[in-house]
Amino acid sequence: MKITSILFFFFFAYLGYLSGEIRPLLQNVSHRDSQTLNGLWHYIVDMNETGYYNYRWEAYDEQEKPRANAYFKNSKPKHGRDLIEYDFDSSPTLRVPGD
């Protein structure tokens, strides 16, 4: 029984060595700043990815000054001529549970 458990230990240690990834463990989790994400979330289905890419297929989050069409900016129309076709405030909601 001892030999079997030792062999299992070395086998899994060797597999960890082969993966080449050593990830540090999270420590002191109870004393870190945290924020709960549970509650009601507004969502928009972006099937054509118009809120992520511009007309040149460049991602908005990679640009220095993204336009108001980027969904993550949550822009509101300032004038009647502004072409902002989404609104998170009036979009449907879903309930996100806590852990």
PDB file of N, CA and C in Angstrom:
ATOM      1  N   MET A   1       0.822  -1.198   0.000  1.00  0.00           N
ATOM      2  CA  MET A   1       0.000   0.000   0.000  1.00  0.00           C
ATOM      3  C   MET A   1       0.863   1.258   0.000  1.00  0.00           C
ATOM      4  N   LYS A   2       1.960   1.226   0.774  1.00  0.00           N
ATOM      5  CA  LYS A   2       2.851   2.385   0.810  1.00  0.00           C
ATOM      6  C   LYS A   2       3.484   2.626  -0.556  1.00  0.00           C
ATOM      7  N   ILE A   3       3.885   1.576  -1.193  1.00  0.00           N
ATOM      8  CA  ILE A   3       4.559   1.717  -2.491  1.00  0.00           C
ATOM      9  C   ILE A   3       3.588   2.286  -3.523  1.00  0.00           C
ATOM     10  N   THR A   4       2.353   1.837  -3.481  1.00  0.00           N
ATOM     11  CA  THR A   4       1.354   2.328  -4.430  1.00  0.00           C
ATOM     12  C   THR A   4       1.099   3.821  -4.227  1.00  0.00           C
ATOM     13  N   SER A   5       0.961   4.244  -2.987  1.00  0.00           N
ATOM     14  CA  SER A   5       0.717   5.669  -2.739  1.00  0.00           C
ATOM     15  C   SER A   5       1.929   6.513  -3.120  1.00  0.00           C
ATOM     16  N   ILE A   6       3.118   6.012  -2.902  1.00  0.00           N
ATOM     17  CA  ILE A   6       4.326   6.750  -3.301  1.00  0.00           C
ATOM     18  C   ILE A   6       4.403   6.857  -4.814  1.00  0.00           C
ATOM     19  N   LEU A   7       4.071   5.769  -5.516  1.00  0.00           N
ATOM     20  CA  LEU A   7       4.080   5.806  -6.983  1.00  0.00           C
ATOM     21  C   LEU A   7       3.049   6.792  -7.523  1.00  0.00           C
ATOM     22  N   PHE A   8       1.859   6.823  -6.920  1.00  0.00           N
ATOM     23  CA  PHE A   8       0.849   7.790  -7.333  1.00  0.00           C
ATOM     24  C   PHE A   8       1.340   9.217  -7.120  1.00  0.00           C
ATOM     25  N   PHE A   9       1.988   9.464  -5.992  1.00  0.00           N
ATOM     26  CA  PHE A   9       2.514  10.799  -5.706  1.00  0.00           C
ATOM     27  C   PHE A   9       3.512  11.228  -6.768  1.00  0.00           C
ATOM     28  N   PHE A  10       4.469  10.365  -7.092  1.00  0.00           N
ATOM     29  CA  PHE A  10       5.477  10.725  -8.078  1.00  0.00           C
ATOM     30  C   PHE A  10       4.883  10.840  -9.483  1.00  0.00           C
ATOM     31  N   PHE A  11       3.875  10.022  -9.776  1.00  0.00           N
ATOM     32  CA  PHE A  11       3.220  10.100 -11.079  1.00  0.00           C
ATOM     33  C   PHE A  11       2.545  11.451 -11.268  1.00  0.00           C
ATOM     34  N   PHE A  12       1.775  11.903 -10.281  1.00  0.00           N
ATOM     35  CA  PHE A  12       1.093  13.189 -10.389  1.00  0.00           C
ATOM     36  C   PHE A  12       2.072  14.355 -10.302  1.00  0.00           C
ATOM     37  N   ALA A  13       3.145  14.199  -9.552  1.00  0.00           N
ATOM     38  CA  ALA A  13       4.165  15.241  -9.513  1.00  0.00           C
ATOM     39  C   ALA A  13       4.834  15.369 -10.878  1.00  0.00           C
ATOM     40  N   TYR A  14       5.065  14.232 -11.534  1.00  0.00           N
ATOM     41  CA  TYR A  14       5.669  14.244 -12.863  1.00  0.00           C
ATOM     42  C   TYR A  14       4.723  14.875 -13.881  1.00  0.00           C
ATOM     43  N   LEU A  15       3.420  14.585 -13.783  1.00  0.00           N
ATOM     44  CA  LEU A  15       2.452  15.210 -14.687  1.00  0.00           C
ATOM     45  C   LEU A  15       2.429  16.723 -14.504  1.00  0.00           C
ATOM     46  N   GLY A  16       2.526  17.178 -13.275  1.00  0.00           N
ATOM     47  CA  GLY A  16       2.582  18.616 -13.019  1.00  0.00           C
ATOM     48  C   GLY A  16       3.845  19.241 -13.586  1.00  0.00           C
ATOM     49  N   TYR A  17       4.941  18.499 -13.541  1.00  0.00           N
ATOM     50  CA  TYR A  17       6.200  18.985 -14.097  1.00  0.00           C
ATOM     51  C   TYR A  17       6.105  19.081 -15.617  1.00  0.00           C
ATOM     52  N   LEU A  18       5.433  18.114 -16.259  1.00  0.00           N
ATOM     53  CA  LEU A  18       5.307  18.120 -17.712  1.00  0.00           C
ATOM     54  C   LEU A  18       4.427  19.250 -18.214  1.00  0.00           C
ATOM     55  N   SER A  19       3.437  19.632 -17.436  1.00  0.00           N
ATOM     56  CA  SER A  19       2.539  20.691 -17.890  1.00  0.00           C
ATOM     57  C   SER A  19       3.274  22.026 -18.006  1.00  0.00           C
ATOM     58  N   GLY A  20       4.308  22.240 -17.212  1.00  0.00           N
ATOM     59  CA  GLY A  20       5.113  23.443 -17.313  1.00  0.00           C
ATOM     60  C   GLY A  20       4.476  24.673 -16.714  1.00  0.00           C
ATOM     61  N   GLU A  21       3.295  24.548 -16.193  1.00  0.00           N
ATOM     62  CA  GLU A  21       2.611  25.691 -15.597  1.00  0.00           C
ATOM     63  C   GLU A  21       2.626  25.565 -14.093  1.00  0.00           C
ATOM     64  N   ILE A  22       3.161  26.561 -13.458  1.00  0.00           N
ATOM     65  CA  ILE A  22       3.114  26.614 -12.004  1.00  0.00           C
ATOM     66  C   ILE A  22       2.309  27.854 -11.662  1.00  0.00           C
ATOM     67  N   ARG A  23       1.133  27.645 -11.148  1.00  0.00           N
ATOM     68  CA  ARG A  23       0.246  28.755 -10.824  1.00  0.00           C
ATOM     69  C   ARG A  23       0.308  29.027  -9.331  1.00  0.00           C
ATOM     70  N   PRO A  24       0.519  30.267  -8.969  1.00  0.00           N
ATOM     71  CA  PRO A  24       0.502  30.565  -7.537  1.00  0.00           C
ATOM     72  C   PRO A  24      -0.916  30.473  -6.989  1.00  0.00           C
ATOM     73  N   LEU A  25      -1.023  29.995  -5.783  1.00  0.00           N
ATOM     74  CA  LEU A  25      -2.327  29.875  -5.151  1.00  0.00           C
ATOM     75  C   LEU A  25      -2.768  31.226  -4.603  1.00  0.00           C
ATOM     76  N   LEU A  26      -4.069  31.445  -4.609  1.00  0.00           N
ATOM     77  CA  LEU A  26      -4.598  32.650  -3.980  1.00  0.00           C
ATOM     78  C   LEU A  26      -4.475  32.501  -2.470  1.00  0.00           C
ATOM     79  N   GLN A  27      -3.936  33.492  -1.843  1.00  0.00           N
ATOM     80  CA  GLN A  27      -3.757  33.430  -0.401  1.00  0.00           C
ATOM     81  C   GLN A  27      -4.472  34.603   0.251  1.00  0.00           C
ATOM     82  N   ASN A  28      -4.862  34.400   1.484  1.00  0.00           N
ATOM     83  CA  ASN A  28      -5.483  35.436   2.298  1.00  0.00           C
ATOM     84  C   ASN A  28      -6.759  35.972   1.638  1.00  0.00           C
ATOM     85  N   VAL A  29      -7.584  35.075   1.138  1.00  0.00           N
ATOM     86  CA  VAL A  29      -8.780  35.461   0.398  1.00  0.00           C
ATOM     87  C   VAL A  29      -9.778  36.193   1.290  1.00  0.00           C
ATOM     88  N   SER A  30      -9.883  35.791   2.522  1.00  0.00           N
ATOM     89  CA  SER A  30     -10.877  36.406   3.399  1.00  0.00           C
ATOM     90  C   SER A  30     -10.550  37.869   3.731  1.00  0.00           C
ATOM     91  N   HIS A  31      -9.312  38.296   3.564  1.00  0.00           N
ATOM     92  CA  HIS A  31      -8.927  39.675   3.866  1.00  0.00           C
ATOM     93  C   HIS A  31      -8.755  40.535   2.620  1.00  0.00           C
ATOM     94  N   ARG A  32      -9.070  40.003   1.454  1.00  0.00           N
ATOM     95  CA  ARG A  32      -8.978  40.789   0.223  1.00  0.00           C
ATOM     96  C   ARG A  32     -10.261  41.580   0.016  1.00  0.00           C
ATOM     97  N   ASP A  33     -10.138  42.681  -0.706  1.00  0.00           N
ATOM     98  CA  ASP A  33     -11.326  43.448  -1.074  1.00  0.00           C
ATOM     99  C   ASP A  33     -12.130  42.631  -2.071  1.00  0.00           C
ATOM    100  N   SER A  34     -13.424  42.546  -1.858  1.00  0.00           N
ATOM    101  CA  SER A  34     -14.271  41.772  -2.759  1.00  0.00           C
ATOM    102  C   SER A  34     -15.552  42.537  -3.038  1.00  0.00           C
ATOM    103  N   GLN A  35     -16.213  42.125  -4.100  1.00  0.00           N
ATOM    104  CA  GLN A  35     -17.469  42.749  -4.488  1.00  0.00           C
ATOM    105  C   GLN A  35     -18.383  41.647  -4.989  1.00  0.00           C
ATOM    106  N   THR A  36     -19.578  41.596  -4.470  1.00  0.00           N
ATOM    107  CA  THR A  36     -20.520  40.580  -4.902  1.00  0.00           C
ATOM    108  C   THR A  36     -21.145  41.002  -6.233  1.00  0.00           C
ATOM    109  N   LEU A  37     -21.356  40.038  -7.108  1.00  0.00           N
ATOM    110  CA  LEU A  37     -21.909  40.311  -8.425  1.00  0.00           C
ATOM    111  C   LEU A  37     -23.326  39.776  -8.575  1.00  0.00           C
ATOM    112  N   ASN A  38     -23.915  39.282  -7.486  1.00  0.00           N
ATOM    113  CA  ASN A  38     -25.258  38.728  -7.599  1.00  0.00           C
ATOM    114  C   ASN A  38     -26.285  39.859  -7.654  1.00  0.00           C
ATOM    115  N   GLY A  39     -27.417  39.563  -8.271  1.00  0.00           N
ATOM    116  CA  GLY A  39     -28.484  40.550  -8.390  1.00  0.00           C
ATOM    117  C   GLY A  39     -29.051  40.557  -9.792  1.00  0.00           C
ATOM    118  N   LEU A  40     -29.755  41.612 -10.135  1.00  0.00           N
ATOM    119  CA  LEU A  40     -30.342  41.748 -11.469  1.00  0.00           C
ATOM    120  C   LEU A  40     -29.354  42.433 -12.406  1.00  0.00           C
ATOM    121  N   TRP A  41     -29.129  41.844 -13.577  1.00  0.00           N
ATOM    122  CA  TRP A  41     -28.221  42.375 -14.589  1.00  0.00           C
ATOM    123  C   TRP A  41     -29.008  42.660 -15.861  1.00  0.00           C
ATOM    124  N   HIS A  42     -28.783  43.819 -16.454  1.00  0.00           N
ATOM    125  CA  HIS A  42     -29.354  44.140 -17.754  1.00  0.00           C
ATOM    126  C   HIS A  42     -28.436  43.560 -18.830  1.00  0.00           C
ATOM    127  N   TYR A  43     -29.030  43.055 -19.896  1.00  0.00           N
ATOM    128  CA  TYR A  43     -28.219  42.462 -20.957  1.00  0.00           C
ATOM    129  C   TYR A  43     -28.744  42.883 -22.321  1.00  0.00           C
ATOM    130  N   ILE A  44     -27.851  42.842 -23.307  1.00  0.00           N
ATOM    131  CA  ILE A  44     -28.181  43.119 -24.698  1.00  0.00           C
ATOM    132  C   ILE A  44     -27.555  42.003 -25.523  1.00  0.00           C
ATOM    133  N   VAL A  45     -28.342  41.369 -26.378  1.00  0.00           N
ATOM    134  CA  VAL A  45     -27.821  40.335 -27.272  1.00  0.00           C
ATOM    135  C   VAL A  45     -27.270  41.044 -28.504  1.00  0.00           C
ATOM    136  N   ASP A  46     -25.988  40.881 -28.743  1.00  0.00           N
ATOM    137  CA  ASP A  46     -25.297  41.539 -29.851  1.00  0.00           C
ATOM    138  C   ASP A  46     -24.936  40.479 -30.890  1.00  0.00           C
ATOM    139  N   MET A  47     -25.912  40.044 -31.668  1.00  0.00           N
ATOM    140  CA  MET A  47     -25.691  38.934 -32.595  1.00  0.00           C
ATOM    141  C   MET A  47     -24.718  39.289 -33.716  1.00  0.00           C
ATOM    142  N   ASN A  48     -24.716  40.515 -34.174  1.00  0.00           N
ATOM    143  CA  ASN A  48     -23.829  40.916 -35.268  1.00  0.00           C
ATOM    144  C   ASN A  48     -22.563  41.599 -34.778  1.00  0.00           C
ATOM    145  N   GLU A  49     -22.353  41.636 -33.486  1.00  0.00           N
ATOM    146  CA  GLU A  49     -21.175  42.241 -32.855  1.00  0.00           C
ATOM    147  C   GLU A  49     -20.986  43.694 -33.251  1.00  0.00           C
ATOM    148  N   THR A  50     -22.090  44.426 -33.399  1.00  0.00           N
ATOM    149  CA  THR A  50     -21.987  45.839 -33.737  1.00  0.00           C
ATOM    150  C   THR A  50     -21.551  46.673 -32.542  1.00  0.00           C
ATOM    151  N   GLY A  51     -21.701  46.165 -31.349  1.00  0.00           N
ATOM    152  CA  GLY A  51     -21.254  46.889 -30.167  1.00  0.00           C
ATOM    153  C   GLY A  51     -19.824  46.590 -29.789  1.00  0.00           C
ATOM    154  N   TYR A  52     -19.161  45.686 -30.543  1.00  0.00           N
ATOM    155  CA  TYR A  52     -17.773  45.333 -30.245  1.00  0.00           C
ATOM    156  C   TYR A  52     -16.825  45.769 -31.360  1.00  0.00           C
ATOM    157  N   TYR A  53     -17.296  45.711 -32.618  1.00  0.00           N
ATOM    158  CA  TYR A  53     -16.460  46.094 -33.760  1.00  0.00           C
ATOM    159  C   TYR A  53     -17.028  47.341 -34.425  1.00  0.00           C
ATOM    160  N   ASN A  54     -16.149  48.139 -35.026  1.00  0.00           N
ATOM    161  CA  ASN A  54     -16.619  49.254 -35.837  1.00  0.00           C
ATOM    162  C   ASN A  54     -16.792  48.765 -37.275  1.00  0.00           C
ATOM    163  N   TYR A  55     -17.054  49.676 -38.197  1.00  0.00           N
ATOM    164  CA  TYR A  55     -17.324  49.265 -39.577  1.00  0.00           C
ATOM    165  C   TYR A  55     -16.076  48.731 -40.282  1.00  0.00           C
ATOM    166  N   ARG A  56     -14.911  48.898 -39.716  1.00  0.00           N
ATOM    167  CA  ARG A  56     -13.665  48.359 -40.281  1.00  0.00           C
ATOM    168  C   ARG A  56     -13.231  47.060 -39.594  1.00  0.00           C
ATOM    169  N   TRP A  57     -14.094  46.494 -38.789  1.00  0.00           N
ATOM    170  CA  TRP A  57     -13.838  45.274 -38.014  1.00  0.00           C
ATOM    171  C   TRP A  57     -12.653  45.440 -37.070  1.00  0.00           C
ATOM    172  N   GLU A  58     -12.522  46.617 -36.490  1.00  0.00           N
ATOM    173  CA  GLU A  58     -11.540  46.873 -35.440  1.00  0.00           C
ATOM    174  C   GLU A  58     -12.275  46.860 -34.110  1.00  0.00           C
ATOM    175  N   ALA A  59     -11.748  46.151 -33.156  1.00  0.00           N
ATOM    176  CA  ALA A  59     -12.408  46.038 -31.852  1.00  0.00           C
ATOM    177  C   ALA A  59     -12.355  47.381 -31.124  1.00  0.00           C
ATOM    178  N   TYR A  60     -13.489  47.750 -30.529  1.00  0.00           N
ATOM    179  CA  TYR A  60     -13.550  49.017 -29.809  1.00  0.00           C
ATOM    180  C   TYR A  60     -12.633  49.034 -28.594  1.00  0.00           C
ATOM    181  N   ASP A  61     -12.472  47.905 -27.907  1.00  0.00           N
ATOM    182  CA  ASP A  61     -11.666  47.919 -26.684  1.00  0.00           C
ATOM    183  C   ASP A  61     -10.171  48.005 -26.959  1.00  0.00           C
ATOM    184  N   GLU A  62      -9.754  47.906 -28.218  1.00  0.00           N
ATOM    185  CA  GLU A  62      -8.342  48.054 -28.567  1.00  0.00           C
ATOM    186  C   GLU A  62      -8.028  49.448 -29.086  1.00  0.00           C
ATOM    187  N   GLN A  63      -9.024  50.303 -29.179  1.00  0.00           N
ATOM    188  CA  GLN A  63      -8.818  51.660 -29.683  1.00  0.00           C
ATOM    189  C   GLN A  63      -8.543  52.604 -28.519  1.00  0.00           C
ATOM    190  N   GLU A  64      -7.809  53.683 -28.806  1.00  0.00           N
ATOM    191  CA  GLU A  64      -7.510  54.656 -27.762  1.00  0.00           C
ATOM    192  C   GLU A  64      -8.763  55.415 -27.324  1.00  0.00           C
ATOM    193  N   LYS A  65      -9.555  55.861 -28.289  1.00  0.00           N
ATOM    194  CA  LYS A  65     -10.790  56.592 -27.986  1.00  0.00           C
ATOM    195  C   LYS A  65     -11.941  55.897 -28.695  1.00  0.00           C
ATOM    196  N   PRO A  66     -12.554  54.912 -28.058  1.00  0.00           N
ATOM    197  CA  PRO A  66     -13.680  54.235 -28.717  1.00  0.00           C
ATOM    198  C   PRO A  66     -14.881  55.155 -28.853  1.00  0.00           C
ATOM    199  N   ARG A  67     -15.636  54.948 -29.916  1.00  0.00           N
ATOM    200  CA  ARG A  67     -16.813  55.770 -30.173  1.00  0.00           C
ATOM    201  C   ARG A  67     -17.938  55.410 -29.213  1.00  0.00           C
ATOM    202  N   ALA A  68     -19.002  56.181 -29.285  1.00  0.00           N
ATOM    203  CA  ALA A  68     -20.143  55.961 -28.398  1.00  0.00           C
ATOM    204  C   ALA A  68     -20.912  54.692 -28.757  1.00  0.00           C
ATOM    205  N   ASN A  69     -20.657  54.110 -29.935  1.00  0.00           N
ATOM    206  CA  ASN A  69     -21.342  52.885 -30.344  1.00  0.00           C
ATOM    207  C   ASN A  69     -20.867  51.669 -29.565  1.00  0.00           C
ATOM    208  N   ALA A  70     -19.753  51.770 -28.880  1.00  0.00           N
ATOM    209  CA  ALA A  70     -19.255  50.642 -28.092  1.00  0.00           C
ATOM    210  C   ALA A  70     -20.199  50.404 -26.922  1.00  0.00           C
ATOM    211  N   TYR A  71     -20.695  49.185 -26.811  1.00  0.00           N
ATOM    212  CA  TYR A  71     -21.692  48.892 -25.780  1.00  0.00           C
ATOM    213  C   TYR A  71     -21.132  49.093 -24.371  1.00  0.00           C
ATOM    214  N   PHE A  72     -19.870  48.838 -24.169  1.00  0.00           N
ATOM    215  CA  PHE A  72     -19.313  48.948 -22.816  1.00  0.00           C
ATOM    216  C   PHE A  72     -19.255  50.385 -22.317  1.00  0.00           C
ATOM    217  N   LYS A  73     -19.429  51.362 -23.191  1.00  0.00           N
ATOM    218  CA  LYS A  73     -19.435  52.759 -22.756  1.00  0.00           C
ATOM    219  C   LYS A  73     -20.773  53.169 -22.171  1.00  0.00           C
ATOM    220  N   ASN A  74     -21.844  52.428 -22.502  1.00  0.00           N
ATOM    221  CA  ASN A  74     -23.196  52.705 -22.000  1.00  0.00           C
ATOM    222  C   ASN A  74     -23.559  54.178 -22.222  1.00  0.00           C
ATOM    223  N   SER A  75     -23.373  54.631 -23.453  1.00  0.00           N
ATOM    224  CA  SER A  75     -23.608  56.037 -23.801  1.00  0.00           C
ATOM    225  C   SER A  75     -25.093  56.355 -23.880  1.00  0.00           C
ATOM    226  N   LYS A  76     -25.412  57.579 -23.629  1.00  0.00           N
ATOM    227  CA  LYS A  76     -26.773  58.089 -23.747  1.00  0.00           C
ATOM    228  C   LYS A  76     -26.781  59.160 -24.841  1.00  0.00           C
ATOM    229  N   PRO A  77     -27.858  59.262 -25.623  1.00  0.00           N
ATOM    230  CA  PRO A  77     -27.907  60.306 -26.659  1.00  0.00           C
ATOM    231  C   PRO A  77     -27.962  61.702 -26.034  1.00  0.00           C
ATOM    232  N   LYS A  78     -27.082  62.581 -26.499  1.00  0.00           N
ATOM    233  CA  LYS A  78     -27.044  63.958 -25.988  1.00  0.00           C
ATOM    234  C   LYS A  78     -27.915  64.885 -26.822  1.00  0.00           C
ATOM    235  N   HIS A  79     -28.050  64.563 -28.106  1.00  0.00           N
ATOM    236  CA  HIS A  79     -28.862  65.354 -29.025  1.00  0.00           C
ATOM    237  C   HIS A  79     -29.820  64.411 -29.740  1.00  0.00           C
ATOM    238  N   GLY A  80     -30.786  64.951 -30.424  1.00  0.00           N
ATOM    239  CA  GLY A  80     -31.742  64.135 -31.169  1.00  0.00           C
ATOM    240  C   GLY A  80     -31.116  63.454 -32.373  1.00  0.00           C
ATOM    241  N   ARG A  81     -29.967  63.940 -32.834  1.00  0.00           N
ATOM    242  CA  ARG A  81     -29.325  63.380 -34.016  1.00  0.00           C
ATOM    243  C   ARG A  81     -28.297  62.298 -33.684  1.00  0.00           C
ATOM    244  N   ASP A  82     -28.055  62.031 -32.404  1.00  0.00           N
ATOM    245  CA  ASP A  82     -27.098  60.992 -32.023  1.00  0.00           C
ATOM    246  C   ASP A  82     -27.672  59.615 -32.340  1.00  0.00           C
ATOM    247  N   LEU A  83     -26.872  58.774 -32.986  1.00  0.00           N
ATOM    248  CA  LEU A  83     -27.313  57.440 -33.393  1.00  0.00           C
ATOM    249  C   LEU A  83     -26.836  56.399 -32.378  1.00  0.00           C
ATOM    250  N   ILE A  84     -27.457  56.368 -31.253  1.00  0.00           N
ATOM    251  CA  ILE A  84     -27.178  55.347 -30.247  1.00  0.00           C
ATOM    252  C   ILE A  84     -28.418  54.475 -30.166  1.00  0.00           C
ATOM    253  N   GLU A  85     -28.276  53.233 -30.606  1.00  0.00           N
ATOM    254  CA  GLU A  85     -29.438  52.360 -30.774  1.00  0.00           C
ATOM    255  C   GLU A  85     -29.564  51.314 -29.676  1.00  0.00           C
ATOM    256  N   TYR A  86     -28.952  51.512 -28.554  1.00  0.00           N
ATOM    257  CA  TYR A  86     -29.077  50.564 -27.446  1.00  0.00           C
ATOM    258  C   TYR A  86     -29.309  51.332 -26.165  1.00  0.00           C
ATOM    259  N   ASP A  87     -29.878  50.648 -25.210  1.00  0.00           N
ATOM    260  CA  ASP A  87     -30.125  51.296 -23.922  1.00  0.00           C
ATOM    261  C   ASP A  87     -30.187  50.198 -22.858  1.00  0.00           C
ATOM    262  N   PHE A  88     -29.188  50.161 -22.008  1.00  0.00           N
ATOM    263  CA  PHE A  88     -29.163  49.148 -20.947  1.00  0.00           C
ATOM    264  C   PHE A  88     -30.277  49.363 -19.932  1.00  0.00           C
ATOM    265  N   ASP A  89     -30.702  50.593 -19.742  1.00  0.00           N
ATOM    266  CA  ASP A  89     -31.736  50.868 -18.742  1.00  0.00           C
ATOM    267  C   ASP A  89     -33.080  50.243 -19.111  1.00  0.00           C
ATOM    268  N   SER A  90     -33.385  50.163 -20.407  1.00  0.00           N
ATOM    269  CA  SER A  90     -34.660  49.578 -20.812  1.00  0.00           C
ATOM    270  C   SER A  90     -34.519  48.155 -21.348  1.00  0.00           C
ATOM    271  N   SER A  91     -33.324  47.583 -21.274  1.00  0.00           N
ATOM    272  CA  SER A  91     -33.117  46.218 -21.767  1.00  0.00           C
ATOM    273  C   SER A  91     -33.627  45.195 -20.740  1.00  0.00           C
ATOM    274  N   PRO A  92     -33.855  43.942 -21.171  1.00  0.00           N
ATOM    275  CA  PRO A  92     -34.332  42.923 -20.239  1.00  0.00           C
ATOM    276  C   PRO A  92     -33.289  42.615 -19.163  1.00  0.00           C
ATOM    277  N   THR A  93     -33.741  42.018 -18.078  1.00  0.00           N
ATOM    278  CA  THR A  93     -32.837  41.675 -16.982  1.00  0.00           C
ATOM    279  C   THR A  93     -32.842  40.176 -16.748  1.00  0.00           C
ATOM    280  N   LEU A  94     -31.785  39.708 -16.125  1.00  0.00           N
ATOM    281  CA  LEU A  94     -31.706  38.329 -15.659  1.00  0.00           C
ATOM    282  C   LEU A  94     -31.118  38.336 -14.267  1.00  0.00           C
ATOM    283  N   ARG A  95     -31.478  37.344 -13.488  1.00  0.00           N
ATOM    284  CA  ARG A  95     -31.013  37.262 -12.101  1.00  0.00           C
ATOM    285  C   ARG A  95     -29.722  36.441 -12.052  1.00  0.00           C
ATOM    286  N   VAL A  96     -28.649  37.060 -11.576  1.00  0.00           N
ATOM    287  CA  VAL A  96     -27.365  36.390 -11.411  1.00  0.00           C
ATOM    288  C   VAL A  96     -27.267  35.947  -9.955  1.00  0.00           C
ATOM    289  N   PRO A  97     -27.141  34.630  -9.714  1.00  0.00           N
ATOM    290  CA  PRO A  97     -27.088  34.154  -8.334  1.00  0.00           C
ATOM    291  C   PRO A  97     -25.715  34.374  -7.719  1.00  0.00           C
ATOM    292  N   GLY A  98     -25.674  34.416  -6.400  1.00  0.00           N
ATOM    293  CA  GLY A  98     -24.407  34.488  -5.680  1.00  0.00           C
ATOM    294  C   GLY A  98     -23.766  33.115  -5.606  1.00  0.00           C
ATOM    295  N   ASP A  99     -22.565  33.038  -5.111  1.00  0.00           N
ATOM    296  CA  ASP A  99     -21.895  31.750  -5.016  1.00  0.00           C
ATOM    297  C   ASP A  99     -22.221  31.056  -3.707  1.00  0.00           C
TER     298      ASP A  99
END
